[in-house]
Structures are given as C-alpha cells and as structure tokens.
Amino acid sequence: MDDPLRDAAGGGGRPARRRGGPRPLVLALVLALALVSPAMAQDFSADDYLYSFPDQRFELNPQGHWPYLVLTRKSLLEACAGGQSPCGRYEWWLPYSTLQATQAVARDLRRAWARFEERYFWRVQTALNQPALSLAYCSLGLSLGDLDASPPPVQLETAQSFLPSALPAPLPTTPPASAGLHRLDLYLPLPQVPAADFCDGLSVEFVPIMAIPPFCLELDFIGFSWCTPGYPDEPLWFNEDHAAEVVRRAIDHGLKRYGAEYQQQVLQALAPRVNPGALEVFAPLAWQAHLSGTGAVVAAVGDLAPDPARLSGGLQAILQAVRQARLPQPEDGLRLPYYGQSLLALSRVGPLAGVAGPLCQAVAGCAEGLFEQALRAAVATSGLSGVQKPYAPGLWRLEQLKRFFPPSHPLIQEAFGYASFFQAWNQLTFGTVPDLTARWVPGEYALAQAQRVVGYWYVPVKLKIVLQQPWLIPQPDLPRLRPVAPYFLPYALERTHWSWVSVPEGYRIPRVAGTPGLGVPGGPAWDADALYRVLLR
C-alpha cells in the first residue's frame, strides 16, 4: 500500500471519491439548474480550504487503516495546476479523532482555566492576609486538593457567520460549546489547588501589620461598655497603602506568571493523543496557530463507539434537523427527498443496515427514485439555485443544512456528505473572576461573587473584664471581610475556546486559515506526519 503521508507531502495523493452520491441522472438534473436559474446562484469561489472523503474501499486498502479526511488548500492546488514552480504542498491527511477524546480535550481546557482562576485568586488573598493564610496554606498545606472539571457536553456550534449571507439560518443558531464554561464547577472558601500552585515565592510575614481589629471593652460589674468606632464592621485601623501595594504585586504576578502557565497547560491539552486501541485518538493540526486572530487547532471528529444506540441517535438527530429546518422554496420541499437518498444508501451498508433500515422505512422520502421525481418537479419551476462553477457542489441551500448535523460515525458523515471538526482557538478577553458572562443558574453568580471578593479577614472581639479569675474573657465574633480594591480580580488574557462544527463537503471550514503545522512560538513542535503514520499506513 502507498504511504499516504509521503504522497501528500508533495501535494499529490490518491484522488478522493465520495460514495453514496447522486446517480448520473440526478447529476444531469442538478447541472441543468445553472441554466434555468443563474440569478439564484451563490458564489463560493473564495472558499479556499476544502475537504473530501478518500476512497477507502476494502479492495483498495486490504490492510485497513484509521478513517481520515483529505483537506485541500484550493488556491495552492490551482497554482500547481497552472504550472507554478516550485509546487508546494496543498493537501493534508487528517485522521479522525474520536468524540470521546475531543471531550477529554475540552475538559482539560476547562480545567486549565479553572486552575488559573484558583491560582490567581488565592495568590492575592494569601499575600494580602499575612500571616494567617500564609501559615495555613503555604506552611501547613491546607487545601481541598487538585480540582477537576466535569466533561463539557458536545454542543454543535451553528453561527450565522458560517452560512452564506443570502441564506437566513434554517434552524436556531448556537454559540461555541465553550461559551459560558470558563468557570469553576463550584466556588468554595478553600483553595482547590495544591499550595505549590499559588505559594511560589511567598513567605510568612508578621510585619508590617495590616490592621488592628475592632474590639469592645465590657465591665459588667459597673455596667460599662465601650467599642471602637464602626464595631464590628470596620477595623480600628487598616493599612490602606500597604494593602494596595500587596494586591498590585500579587495581581501582576498572577497575570504574568499564571497567565503564561495557563497557555502552556492549554498547549499540553491540545497535544496529539494517539491510542487507537482504546478509542482515544486526538489527531489535530494547528492551522496557522490558535492565538487570537490567527487560526485554530482543528481535528476531524467522529463518534467511533461501536454502540447501535449511539448510531441510531446520530441518525435521528440528523432527521430531526432535516424535519425542523425551514428553507426558501422550492428547496424546502426537497429536504426529505434530498437527504432520504443518503439514508437509503446507509440502509444498504452492512454495519449500519440494522440501524438505518428501520429509520428509512419510517421516513417519507427514503425511497428509490423519489429524489429524482422531486428534482424533476423542482427543475420545472425554474426556482432552484445554480451549482455551476465557480459555485460549490450540490444544491447549496440544502447543503448548508448539514452545518446543523451532529458529530456522528464517519460512515454516516460520508453518506450524508458532511464532516464534523473539533476546534480550539484563543480570544482576547477582558473580565473579572468570576466571569459574569459564564453560565449561571439564578442566584449562583451572587454566591460565587461572595466567595471571590478580594479582602482582608479580621475577627472582632469583645473583651469582658470580670472581678475574678481569669479576669479577662475574650469573646471573638464572627470573622469579617474588609474588601480591598479592585474587589474582584481583573484579567486581560488570551482565553482558549473550543467547539464542534459540521461542514458540508466542498464548502468553507470555519476558522481554518494560513498553513497547518506552524503552531505557537515557544510551544512544542508537532510532527503530524510522523505522529499519524501509525494510523494511516
């Protein structure tokens, strides 16, 4: 068998072949649409990054290999076809990542941000509340251990910006999967990270004194009582200038050091994971770089779990999207016939016949020849959109509906002519800890804020003087927090987002730009060709 990575390195590789596509009669009818309605066409000639499904028939690949996509940079391909010399690489082979592995990556990205939040807040609080918190956390190691983050749900992103400007969204759009998830699962009054994460360079300091707590003197035997002004809500004296300087230094340390280490942890989370035996494969390509405004780390993703219930669930989600979508006429009337042919093709594929067959029988439009009949009727109306070059393949309004199809098994994606991708990218973000824009249930944000106010803890005390031993009885009150500016910790950082998107074959892939493999300056270099060779040989 030829080495696909070696072939792709020179811009070559075997030609891709899409299975389960329309028959010649259907193709002739579709091509005829360009003649009857050129004004309805949508120009997709500027789309540069396209993918295709390779021909993976067993007779061509008797040894078998991991499923993959072929991703082509169209502008470089056209330059090579035009005789440009030297001809650079224009094609890359992208192994499928498993859905479970991308969820694990998303969880690790969540954990990286949560760890940054905890390190940042407890560094400031510990430095401000000397010597009490420094003794408790840094010397004694008091903490709740290393925090974890729950795996985020797989949520397909369907932004209006992914669609052609001439097409209103056929279904409600959804934000990136990471939207609102940059937060801790639970905000607690004790650190959820080890002391070493935020005590670096801190030592116990007894001077200068930060505050003199408020107190009361009570002489019950003569009925006398006196309290400091503002008792119990204000210290008798507070060292404002020193507190401001301590907070400033701690904030500077947290943003510079912990912010940089947050990005290092992100890079570790986005590193390839190749363990096909355990269905734990994450095979990304860094497209340009994931830094803000440059590109994204992108991985093709499929649900490879051998579970009939999940296969059926993926197909049902696709059919639900097709049924609920609303498109301009006459494409709207072609939804079920157009996608019924793909379901019919799947019902004849051995591994999926038992799942797709019953669904096909229940769907109006999943019948031999029905799409041809519906297409003939639509052609007669002269109202369909053209598909002639430089236009993208298929009926483009119907094709864009595939952006609402969920990540599913690669056989399902190929039959319906779409692919799903996991993406990670940075976005410059200004905010405070905790994040107001995160997902909160009613009342939860106020509770989180109460746990994350920057301030100095003190204990009011009543000193009761009596005429017998022990003469003086101290009666501590509940601890109070004296808030210190800026009250909630600010940040201006590149924060990493993630999402799952679906793309029709032959159409633009969101956030893909530049050249793959450049990565991030100072970050680890991924030799994707070498890493993924074990999957694609």
Protein backbone atom coordinates (compact mmCIF):
# COMPACT_ATOMS: atom_id res chain seq x y z
CA MET A 1 0.00 0.00 0.00
CA ASP A 2 1.26 3.52 -0.82
CA ASP A 3 2.25 5.76 2.02
CA PRO A 4 -0.43 8.49 2.14
CA LEU A 5 1.69 10.87 4.16
CA ARG A 6 4.57 10.60 1.70
CA ASP A 7 2.22 11.19 -1.24
CA ALA A 8 0.54 14.14 0.45
CA ALA A 9 3.86 15.77 1.29
CA GLY A 10 4.41 16.55 -2.35
CA GLY A 11 0.89 17.82 -2.89
CA GLY A 12 -0.20 14.59 -4.54
CA GLY A 13 -2.10 11.67 -3.07
CA ARG A 14 -4.81 9.48 -4.47
CA PRO A 15 -7.93 11.14 -5.82
CA ALA A 16 -10.79 11.37 -3.35
CA ARG A 17 -14.05 9.61 -4.10
CA ARG A 18 -17.36 10.39 -2.46
CA ARG A 19 -19.52 7.33 -2.00
CA GLY A 20 -23.29 7.24 -1.87
CA GLY A 21 -23.65 10.34 -4.07
CA PRO A 22 -26.29 11.10 -6.68
CA ARG A 23 -26.58 8.91 -9.77
CA PRO A 24 -25.79 10.33 -13.25
CA LEU A 25 -29.45 11.22 -13.91
CA VAL A 26 -29.56 13.28 -10.72
CA LEU A 27 -26.27 14.99 -11.58
CA ALA A 28 -27.59 15.92 -15.01
CA LEU A 29 -30.70 17.45 -13.49
CA VAL A 30 -28.67 19.39 -10.93
CA LEU A 31 -26.30 20.74 -13.57
CA ALA A 32 -29.30 21.84 -15.61
CA LEU A 33 -30.30 24.17 -12.79
CA ALA A 34 -27.44 26.52 -13.64
CA LEU A 35 -29.08 27.17 -17.00
CA VAL A 36 -32.59 27.78 -15.70
CA SER A 37 -31.76 29.98 -12.71
CA PRO A 38 -28.25 31.53 -12.75
CA ALA A 39 -29.51 34.58 -10.86
CA MET A 40 -30.28 32.41 -7.84
CA ALA A 41 -26.71 31.06 -7.62
CA GLN A 42 -24.37 31.81 -4.73
CA ASP A 43 -20.69 32.40 -5.41
CA PHE A 44 -18.42 30.22 -3.26
CA SER A 45 -15.28 30.77 -5.33
CA ALA A 46 -13.47 32.50 -2.44
CA ASP A 47 -13.65 29.36 -0.25
CA ASP A 48 -10.05 28.21 -0.02
CA TYR A 49 -9.92 25.25 2.39
CA LEU A 50 -11.98 22.25 1.31
CA TYR A 51 -12.05 18.63 2.37
CA SER A 52 -13.09 15.39 0.72
CA PHE A 53 -13.63 11.77 1.67
CA PRO A 54 -10.97 9.39 0.32
CA ASP A 55 -11.84 6.15 -1.40
CA GLN A 56 -11.48 3.67 1.45
CA ARG A 57 -12.92 0.55 -0.17
CA PHE A 58 -11.53 -2.63 1.29
CA GLU A 59 -10.34 -3.91 -2.07
CA LEU A 60 -8.11 -0.83 -2.37
CA ASN A 61 -6.93 -0.99 1.26
CA PRO A 62 -6.84 -4.68 2.21
CA GLN A 63 -4.74 -3.93 5.28
CA GLY A 64 -7.18 -1.28 6.50
CA HIS A 65 -6.30 1.91 8.34
CA TRP A 66 -7.81 4.53 10.59
CA PRO A 67 -10.52 6.67 8.88
CA TYR A 68 -9.33 10.06 7.70
CA LEU A 69 -10.19 13.10 5.59
CA VAL A 70 -8.25 14.77 2.80
CA LEU A 71 -8.01 18.54 3.32
CA THR A 72 -7.00 20.66 0.34
CA ARG A 73 -5.98 24.29 0.06
CA LYS A 74 -7.66 25.16 -3.21
CA SER A 75 -5.57 28.23 -4.05
CA LEU A 76 -2.32 26.24 -3.84
CA LEU A 77 -3.82 23.39 -5.85
CA GLU A 78 -4.88 25.79 -8.61
CA ALA A 79 -1.45 27.40 -8.60
CA CYS A 80 0.16 23.98 -9.05
CA ALA A 81 -2.30 23.08 -11.80
CA GLY A 82 -1.35 26.32 -13.53
CA GLY A 83 2.26 25.24 -13.76
CA GLN A 84 3.67 27.25 -10.87
CA SER A 85 7.15 26.11 -9.90
CA PRO A 86 8.09 25.02 -7.36
CA CYS A 87 4.79 23.41 -6.48
CA GLY A 88 4.28 23.44 -2.70
CA ARG A 89 2.21 21.15 -0.59
CA TYR A 90 -1.53 21.70 -0.93
CA GLU A 91 -3.01 18.55 0.62
CA TRP A 92 -3.07 17.17 4.14
CA TRP A 93 -4.42 13.92 5.55
CA LEU A 94 -6.37 14.35 8.76
CA PRO A 95 -7.14 11.21 10.79
CA TYR A 96 -10.48 11.18 12.58
CA SER A 97 -10.33 11.96 16.28
CA THR A 98 -12.78 10.13 18.50
CA LEU A 99 -15.63 12.07 20.01
CA GLN A 100 -14.64 10.88 23.50
CA ALA A 101 -11.08 12.13 23.01
CA THR A 102 -12.24 15.61 21.95
CA GLN A 103 -14.48 15.76 25.00
CA ALA A 104 -11.46 14.87 27.14
CA VAL A 105 -9.51 17.70 25.48
CA ALA A 106 -12.36 20.14 26.14
CA ARG A 107 -12.42 19.00 29.77
CA ASP A 108 -8.68 19.62 30.06
CA LEU A 109 -9.12 23.11 28.58
CA ARG A 110 -11.83 23.80 31.18
CA ARG A 111 -9.55 22.53 33.92
CA ALA A 112 -6.70 24.74 32.72
CA TRP A 113 -8.84 27.86 33.06
CA ALA A 114 -10.27 26.79 36.41
CA ARG A 115 -6.75 26.20 37.69
CA PHE A 116 -5.73 29.69 36.53
CA GLU A 117 -8.70 31.23 38.37
CA GLU A 118 -7.88 29.42 41.60
CA ARG A 119 -4.16 30.17 41.47
CA TYR A 120 -4.80 33.83 40.69
CA PHE A 121 -7.38 34.43 43.43
CA TRP A 122 -5.61 32.53 46.22
CA ARG A 123 -2.26 34.15 45.41
CA VAL A 124 -3.81 37.58 46.00
CA GLN A 125 -5.74 36.52 49.10
CA THR A 126 -2.80 34.74 50.68
CA ALA A 127 -0.42 37.63 50.08
CA LEU A 128 -2.96 40.09 51.49
CA ASN A 129 -3.89 38.07 54.58
CA GLN A 130 -0.46 37.67 56.12
CA PRO A 131 0.45 35.86 58.24
CA ALA A 132 -2.72 33.81 58.83
CA LEU A 133 -3.37 32.42 55.33
CA SER A 134 0.30 32.03 54.53
CA LEU A 135 0.70 29.84 57.61
CA ALA A 136 -2.46 27.87 56.89
CA TYR A 137 -1.99 27.32 53.16
CA CYS A 138 1.71 27.64 52.38
CA SER A 139 3.21 26.25 55.60
CA LEU A 140 0.57 23.69 56.61
CA GLY A 141 -0.64 22.94 53.06
CA LEU A 142 -4.32 23.32 53.89
CA SER A 143 -6.37 22.89 50.67
CA LEU A 144 -9.06 20.74 49.08
CA GLY A 145 -6.55 19.13 46.72
CA ASP A 146 -6.29 19.33 42.95
CA LEU A 147 -9.51 20.46 41.31
CA ASP A 148 -11.23 18.65 38.49
CA ALA A 149 -13.65 19.82 35.83
CA SER A 150 -16.68 17.97 34.56
CA PRO A 151 -16.55 16.94 30.86
CA PRO A 152 -18.42 19.55 28.84
CA PRO A 153 -21.33 18.38 26.68
CA VAL A 154 -20.86 18.05 22.93
CA GLN A 155 -22.66 21.11 21.61
CA LEU A 156 -22.58 21.84 17.89
CA GLU A 157 -21.81 25.45 17.02
CA THR A 158 -24.04 26.85 14.27
CA ALA A 159 -23.26 30.54 13.81
CA GLN A 160 -24.97 32.69 11.21
CA SER A 161 -21.50 33.77 10.06
CA PHE A 162 -20.83 30.19 8.86
CA LEU A 163 -23.67 30.50 6.32
CA PRO A 164 -23.77 32.44 3.05
CA SER A 165 -25.06 35.96 3.54
CA ALA A 166 -28.01 35.22 1.24
CA LEU A 167 -29.31 32.40 3.46
CA PRO A 168 -31.08 33.01 6.77
CA ALA A 169 -30.31 30.30 9.33
CA PRO A 170 -32.67 27.36 8.64
CA LEU A 171 -32.59 26.42 12.35
CA PRO A 172 -31.83 28.34 15.57
CA THR A 173 -28.12 29.11 15.82
CA THR A 174 -25.99 28.11 18.80
CA PRO A 175 -22.81 29.67 20.26
CA PRO A 176 -19.46 27.87 20.63
CA ALA A 177 -19.53 24.92 23.01
CA SER A 178 -17.17 26.75 25.38
CA ALA A 179 -19.48 29.76 25.75
CA GLY A 180 -20.15 30.26 29.45
CA LEU A 181 -17.97 27.37 30.63
CA HIS A 182 -14.92 29.37 31.74
CA ARG A 183 -15.68 28.96 35.43
CA LEU A 184 -15.28 26.51 38.30
CA ASP A 185 -17.90 23.85 38.79
CA LEU A 186 -18.17 25.02 42.39
CA TYR A 187 -16.72 28.05 44.19
CA LEU A 188 -15.57 27.19 47.71
CA PRO A 189 -13.93 29.11 50.60
CA LEU A 190 -10.81 26.93 50.48
CA PRO A 191 -8.25 26.50 47.68
CA GLN A 192 -8.99 23.71 45.22
CA VAL A 193 -5.40 23.58 44.00
CA PRO A 194 -2.23 22.46 45.84
CA ALA A 195 -0.39 25.10 47.87
CA ALA A 196 2.57 24.95 45.50
CA ASP A 197 0.33 26.34 42.75
CA PHE A 198 0.00 29.75 44.38
CA CYS A 199 2.58 29.95 47.20
CA ASP A 200 5.62 30.26 44.94
CA GLY A 201 7.90 32.94 46.37
CA LEU A 202 5.61 33.68 49.35
CA SER A 203 6.95 33.58 52.89
CA VAL A 204 5.27 34.19 56.21
CA GLU A 205 5.29 37.89 57.11
CA PHE A 206 4.38 39.30 60.52
CA VAL A 207 5.25 42.91 59.74
CA PRO A 208 4.15 45.39 58.67
CA ILE A 209 0.84 44.97 60.46
CA MET A 210 -2.09 45.09 58.05
CA ALA A 211 -4.85 46.03 60.52
CA ILE A 212 -5.93 46.43 64.13
CA PRO A 213 -9.21 44.58 64.52
CA PRO A 214 -12.19 46.26 66.21
CA PHE A 215 -12.94 45.41 69.82
CA CYS A 216 -15.24 46.20 72.73
CA LEU A 217 -14.48 46.54 76.45
CA GLU A 218 -17.20 45.44 78.85
CA LEU A 219 -17.13 45.89 82.63
CA ASP A 220 -20.31 44.16 83.75
CA PHE A 221 -19.72 44.87 87.45
CA ILE A 222 -20.16 48.62 86.86
CA GLY A 223 -22.33 48.36 83.72
CA PHE A 224 -19.73 49.99 81.44
CA SER A 225 -19.26 49.16 77.76
CA TRP A 226 -17.14 50.82 75.05
CA CYS A 227 -16.47 49.78 71.40
CA THR A 228 -14.13 51.06 68.71
CA PRO A 229 -15.83 53.17 66.01
CA GLY A 230 -17.63 51.05 63.42
CA TYR A 231 -17.52 47.88 65.51
CA PRO A 232 -17.84 45.13 64.24
CA ASP A 233 -17.89 46.11 60.56
CA GLU A 234 -14.72 48.22 60.39
CA PRO A 235 -11.21 47.62 61.76
CA LEU A 236 -9.93 50.15 64.25
CA TRP A 237 -7.10 50.83 61.77
CA PHE A 238 -6.31 49.49 58.30
CA ASN A 239 -3.05 49.91 56.40
CA GLU A 240 -4.58 51.05 53.10
CA ASP A 241 -1.34 51.88 51.28
CA HIS A 242 0.36 48.61 52.13
CA ALA A 243 -2.75 46.58 51.22
CA ALA A 244 -2.97 48.31 47.83
CA GLU A 245 0.69 47.58 47.10
CA VAL A 246 0.42 43.93 48.15
CA VAL A 247 -2.65 43.43 45.93
CA ARG A 248 -0.97 45.18 42.99
CA ARG A 249 2.11 42.94 43.19
CA ALA A 250 0.01 39.79 43.56
CA ILE A 251 -2.18 40.70 40.58
CA ASP A 252 0.90 41.38 38.48
CA HIS A 253 2.42 38.05 39.49
CA GLY A 254 -0.79 36.15 38.78
CA LEU A 255 -1.39 37.62 35.33
CA LYS A 256 2.20 37.35 34.14
CA ARG A 257 3.24 34.01 35.56
CA TYR A 258 -0.01 32.10 35.95
CA GLY A 259 -1.39 33.52 32.69
CA ALA A 260 1.66 32.26 30.79
CA GLU A 261 1.46 28.87 32.53
CA TYR A 262 -2.24 28.69 31.64
CA GLN A 263 -1.29 28.88 27.97
CA GLN A 264 1.36 26.21 28.49
CA GLN A 265 -1.28 23.93 30.02
CA VAL A 266 -3.53 24.66 27.02
CA LEU A 267 -0.77 23.54 24.67
CA GLN A 268 -0.38 20.33 26.66
CA ALA A 269 -4.14 19.72 26.45
CA LEU A 270 -4.10 20.23 22.67
CA ALA A 271 -1.18 17.87 22.04
CA PRO A 272 -1.96 14.79 19.90
CA ARG A 273 -3.13 11.64 21.67
CA VAL A 274 -2.75 8.50 19.63
CA ASN A 275 -4.11 5.36 21.29
CA PRO A 276 -6.39 3.72 18.71
CA GLY A 277 -6.76 0.52 20.71
CA ALA A 278 -8.62 2.40 23.45
CA LEU A 279 -10.57 4.59 21.00
CA GLU A 280 -8.67 7.57 22.44
CA VAL A 281 -7.36 9.38 19.40
CA PHE A 282 -6.96 13.13 19.18
CA ALA A 283 -5.20 13.98 15.92
CA PRO A 284 -5.18 17.76 15.46
CA LEU A 285 -3.46 20.08 13.06
CA ALA A 286 -2.51 23.55 14.24
CA TRP A 287 -3.87 25.67 11.40
CA GLN A 288 -1.60 28.71 11.42
CA ALA A 289 -1.84 28.98 15.24
CA HIS A 290 -4.64 29.10 17.77
CA LEU A 291 -3.66 32.55 19.02
CA SER A 292 -6.25 35.31 18.81
CA GLY A 293 -6.99 36.36 15.24
CA THR A 294 -4.65 33.86 13.56
CA GLY A 295 -6.35 30.48 13.20
CA ALA A 296 -7.29 27.39 15.17
CA VAL A 297 -6.25 23.90 16.16
CA VAL A 298 -8.53 21.67 14.09
CA ALA A 299 -9.32 17.94 14.28
CA ALA A 300 -11.78 15.89 12.24
CA VAL A 301 -14.07 14.13 14.70
CA GLY A 302 -16.30 11.07 14.53
CA ASP A 303 -18.26 9.05 17.04
CA LEU A 304 -16.45 5.73 16.66
CA ALA A 305 -18.03 3.98 19.65
CA PRO A 306 -19.47 0.63 18.44
CA ASP A 307 -22.84 1.30 20.05
CA PRO A 308 -26.03 0.78 17.97
CA ALA A 309 -27.94 3.14 20.27
CA ARG A 310 -25.47 5.95 19.57
CA LEU A 311 -25.52 5.24 15.84
CA SER A 312 -29.30 5.41 15.87
CA GLY A 313 -29.22 8.57 18.00
CA GLY A 314 -26.92 10.27 15.49
CA LEU A 315 -29.21 9.41 12.59
CA GLN A 316 -32.29 10.53 14.48
CA ALA A 317 -30.65 13.87 15.30
CA ILE A 318 -29.93 14.38 11.59
CA LEU A 319 -33.50 13.54 10.62
CA GLN A 320 -34.84 15.84 13.32
CA ALA A 321 -32.75 18.71 11.92
CA VAL A 322 -34.00 17.96 8.39
CA ARG A 323 -37.63 17.89 9.52
CA GLN A 324 -37.44 21.07 11.62
CA ALA A 325 -35.42 23.18 9.16
CA ARG A 326 -37.04 25.93 7.13
CA LEU A 327 -35.56 26.89 3.76
CA PRO A 328 -36.74 29.11 0.91
CA GLN A 329 -38.94 27.37 -1.63
CA PRO A 330 -38.61 25.24 -3.63
CA GLU A 331 -35.63 23.78 -1.67
CA ASP A 332 -37.78 23.49 1.44
CA GLY A 333 -39.94 20.90 -0.28
CA LEU A 334 -36.85 18.87 -1.23
CA ARG A 335 -35.48 18.41 2.30
CA LEU A 336 -36.68 14.86 2.90
CA PRO A 337 -36.14 13.55 -0.65
CA TYR A 338 -32.67 15.14 -0.78
CA TYR A 339 -31.47 13.53 2.45
CA GLY A 340 -33.63 10.42 2.14
CA GLN A 341 -31.25 9.15 -0.57
CA SER A 342 -28.38 9.19 1.94
CA LEU A 343 -30.44 7.28 4.49
CA LEU A 344 -31.40 4.80 1.77
CA ALA A 345 -27.71 4.30 0.92
CA LEU A 346 -26.89 3.71 4.60
CA SER A 347 -29.64 1.09 4.88
CA ARG A 348 -27.61 -0.95 2.38
CA VAL A 349 -24.29 -0.65 4.24
CA GLY A 350 -23.66 -3.82 6.25
CA PRO A 351 -22.59 -2.31 9.62
CA LEU A 352 -25.44 0.22 9.59
CA ALA A 353 -28.22 -1.65 7.82
CA GLY A 354 -29.85 -2.75 11.06
CA VAL A 355 -29.90 0.84 12.36
CA ALA A 356 -30.66 2.80 9.19
CA GLY A 357 -33.16 0.33 7.71
CA PRO A 358 -35.99 0.86 10.23
CA LEU A 359 -35.47 4.63 10.14
CA CYS A 360 -35.55 4.62 6.35
CA GLN A 361 -38.88 2.80 6.35
CA ALA A 362 -40.36 5.45 8.65
CA VAL A 363 -39.20 8.45 6.58
CA ALA A 364 -41.18 9.85 3.71
CA GLY A 365 -38.56 10.49 1.05
CA CYS A 366 -36.41 7.44 1.74
CA ALA A 367 -37.45 5.55 -1.37
CA GLU A 368 -35.81 4.58 -4.65
CA GLY A 369 -36.23 7.25 -7.32
CA LEU A 370 -38.16 9.67 -5.12
CA PHE A 371 -35.47 12.33 -5.19
CA GLU A 372 -35.26 12.18 -8.99
CA GLN A 373 -39.01 12.74 -9.20
CA ALA A 374 -38.96 15.64 -6.76
CA LEU A 375 -35.98 17.19 -8.54
CA ARG A 376 -37.70 16.98 -11.93
CA ALA A 377 -40.67 18.83 -10.50
CA ALA A 378 -38.42 21.46 -8.94
CA VAL A 379 -36.48 22.00 -12.17
CA ALA A 380 -39.78 22.72 -13.90
CA THR A 381 -40.37 25.63 -11.53
CA SER A 382 -37.04 27.25 -12.56
CA GLY A 383 -36.58 28.42 -8.98
CA LEU A 384 -33.61 26.42 -7.69
CA SER A 385 -30.14 27.79 -7.09
CA GLY A 386 -27.43 27.14 -9.64
CA VAL A 387 -24.40 24.97 -8.94
CA GLN A 388 -22.20 25.59 -12.00
CA LYS A 389 -18.59 26.65 -11.42
CA PRO A 390 -17.47 28.75 -9.56
CA TYR A 391 -20.29 27.52 -7.34
CA ALA A 392 -19.96 24.80 -4.74
CA PRO A 393 -21.32 21.28 -5.30
CA GLY A 394 -24.91 20.21 -4.69
CA LEU A 395 -27.90 22.42 -4.05
CA TRP A 396 -26.20 24.96 -1.84
CA ARG A 397 -29.15 25.93 0.34
CA LEU A 398 -29.83 22.27 1.11
CA GLU A 399 -26.12 21.62 1.58
CA GLN A 400 -25.82 24.36 4.20
CA LEU A 401 -28.32 22.47 6.34
CA LYS A 402 -25.53 19.98 7.02
CA ARG A 403 -23.89 22.55 9.29
CA PHE A 404 -26.62 21.62 11.78
CA PHE A 405 -25.85 17.86 11.69
CA PRO A 406 -24.16 16.47 14.83
CA PRO A 407 -20.82 14.64 15.00
CA SER A 408 -21.57 11.03 14.12
CA HIS A 409 -19.91 7.89 12.82
CA PRO A 410 -17.63 8.50 9.79
CA LEU A 411 -19.80 6.19 7.66
CA ILE A 412 -22.82 8.36 8.45
CA GLN A 413 -20.88 11.55 7.73
CA GLU A 414 -19.70 10.19 4.40
CA ALA A 415 -23.15 9.02 3.35
CA PHE A 416 -24.67 12.44 4.07
CA GLY A 417 -21.69 14.32 2.66
CA TYR A 418 -20.54 16.30 5.69
CA ALA A 419 -17.74 16.17 8.23
CA SER A 420 -17.51 17.36 11.83
CA PHE A 421 -14.50 19.13 13.32
CA PHE A 422 -13.32 19.92 16.83
CA GLN A 423 -11.72 23.36 17.00
CA ALA A 424 -9.78 25.27 19.64
CA TRP A 425 -8.77 28.92 19.34
CA ASN A 426 -7.82 31.87 21.50
CA GLN A 427 -9.81 35.02 22.04
CA LEU A 428 -8.51 38.11 23.81
CA THR A 429 -10.84 38.52 26.78
CA PHE A 430 -11.31 41.23 29.38
CA GLY A 431 -13.18 40.24 32.53
CA THR A 432 -13.13 39.57 36.23
CA VAL A 433 -13.08 36.48 38.44
CA PRO A 434 -15.71 35.05 38.49
CA ASP A 435 -16.86 35.67 34.93
CA LEU A 436 -20.18 37.48 34.64
CA THR A 437 -20.73 36.01 31.15
CA ALA A 438 -20.44 32.38 32.31
CA ARG A 439 -23.45 30.10 32.61
CA TRP A 440 -25.11 30.60 35.98
CA VAL A 441 -28.35 29.36 37.44
CA PRO A 442 -30.39 32.07 39.21
CA GLY A 443 -28.60 33.24 42.35
CA GLU A 444 -25.44 31.23 41.65
CA TYR A 445 -23.37 34.17 40.41
CA ALA A 446 -24.04 36.18 43.57
CA LEU A 447 -22.87 33.23 45.69
CA ALA A 448 -19.73 32.84 43.56
CA GLN A 449 -19.01 36.56 43.87
CA ALA A 450 -19.30 36.35 47.64
CA GLN A 451 -16.61 33.64 47.61
CA ARG A 452 -14.26 35.65 45.39
CA VAL A 453 -14.22 39.16 46.88
CA VAL A 454 -10.67 40.42 47.40
CA GLY A 455 -10.30 41.49 51.01
CA TYR A 456 -8.64 41.22 54.39
CA TRP A 457 -10.13 38.91 57.01
CA TYR A 458 -10.26 40.07 60.62
CA VAL A 459 -12.02 38.89 63.78
CA PRO A 460 -13.88 41.40 66.01
CA VAL A 461 -13.56 40.60 69.68
CA LYS A 462 -15.28 41.58 72.92
CA LEU A 463 -13.03 41.82 75.97
CA LYS A 464 -15.04 41.14 79.10
CA ILE A 465 -13.37 42.22 82.36
CA VAL A 466 -14.52 40.42 85.49
CA LEU A 467 -13.57 40.60 89.20
CA GLN A 468 -12.39 37.02 89.48
CA GLN A 469 -10.04 34.83 87.55
CA PRO A 470 -9.38 34.70 84.66
CA TRP A 471 -10.07 38.49 84.94
CA LEU A 472 -10.26 38.90 81.15
CA ILE A 473 -12.60 36.83 78.96
CA PRO A 474 -12.18 37.37 75.19
CA GLN A 475 -15.31 36.65 73.15
CA PRO A 476 -14.48 36.50 69.41
CA ASP A 477 -17.24 37.45 67.00
CA LEU A 478 -17.76 36.01 63.52
CA PRO A 479 -14.92 36.78 61.06
CA ARG A 480 -15.49 39.78 58.80
CA LEU A 481 -14.06 40.63 55.39
CA ARG A 482 -12.78 44.12 54.74
CA PRO A 483 -12.98 44.49 50.90
CA VAL A 484 -9.89 45.84 49.16
CA ALA A 485 -9.78 47.41 45.68
CA PRO A 486 -10.19 46.25 42.93
CA TYR A 487 -12.64 43.98 44.90
CA PHE A 488 -12.91 41.47 42.01
CA LEU A 489 -9.75 40.36 40.21
CA PRO A 490 -9.43 41.71 36.64
CA TYR A 491 -7.76 39.98 33.72
CA ALA A 492 -6.95 40.69 30.08
CA LEU A 493 -5.80 37.39 28.63
CA GLU A 494 -5.93 35.18 25.58
CA ARG A 495 -8.53 32.66 26.70
CA THR A 496 -8.91 29.37 24.84
CA HIS A 497 -12.31 28.42 23.45
CA TRP A 498 -13.42 25.16 21.89
CA SER A 499 -16.29 23.96 19.78
CA TRP A 500 -17.61 21.31 17.43
CA VAL A 501 -18.69 22.36 13.93
CA SER A 502 -20.05 20.47 10.93
CA VAL A 503 -19.23 21.36 7.32
CA PRO A 504 -20.77 20.23 4.00
CA GLU A 505 -18.28 18.58 1.67
CA GLY A 506 -16.80 21.15 -0.69
CA TYR A 507 -17.62 24.19 1.44
CA ARG A 508 -15.70 26.53 3.74
CA ILE A 509 -14.34 25.26 7.05
CA PRO A 510 -14.67 27.96 9.74
CA ARG A 511 -11.51 29.34 11.38
CA VAL A 512 -9.14 27.49 9.03
CA ALA A 513 -6.56 29.89 7.60
CA GLY A 514 -2.90 30.07 6.68
CA THR A 515 -0.73 26.96 6.69
CA PRO A 516 -1.02 23.98 9.06
CA GLY A 517 1.76 22.91 11.33
CA LEU A 518 3.15 26.30 12.35
CA GLY A 519 1.92 26.03 15.91
CA VAL A 520 2.70 28.62 18.57
CA PRO A 521 6.11 30.27 19.00
CA GLY A 522 7.74 28.74 22.03
CA GLY A 523 5.32 25.83 22.07
CA PRO A 524 6.02 22.18 21.27
CA ALA A 525 6.51 21.28 17.60
CA TRP A 526 4.15 18.54 16.40
CA ASP A 527 5.42 16.40 13.55
CA ALA A 528 1.95 15.37 12.43
CA ASP A 529 3.23 13.24 9.54
CA ALA A 530 5.31 11.12 11.90
CA LEU A 531 2.74 11.00 14.69
CA TYR A 532 -0.15 9.92 12.49
CA ARG A 533 1.78 7.47 10.33
CA VAL A 534 0.77 4.63 12.65
CA LEU A 535 -2.89 5.45 11.92
CA LEU A 536 -2.69 5.89 8.14
CA ARG A 537 -0.28 3.20 6.95
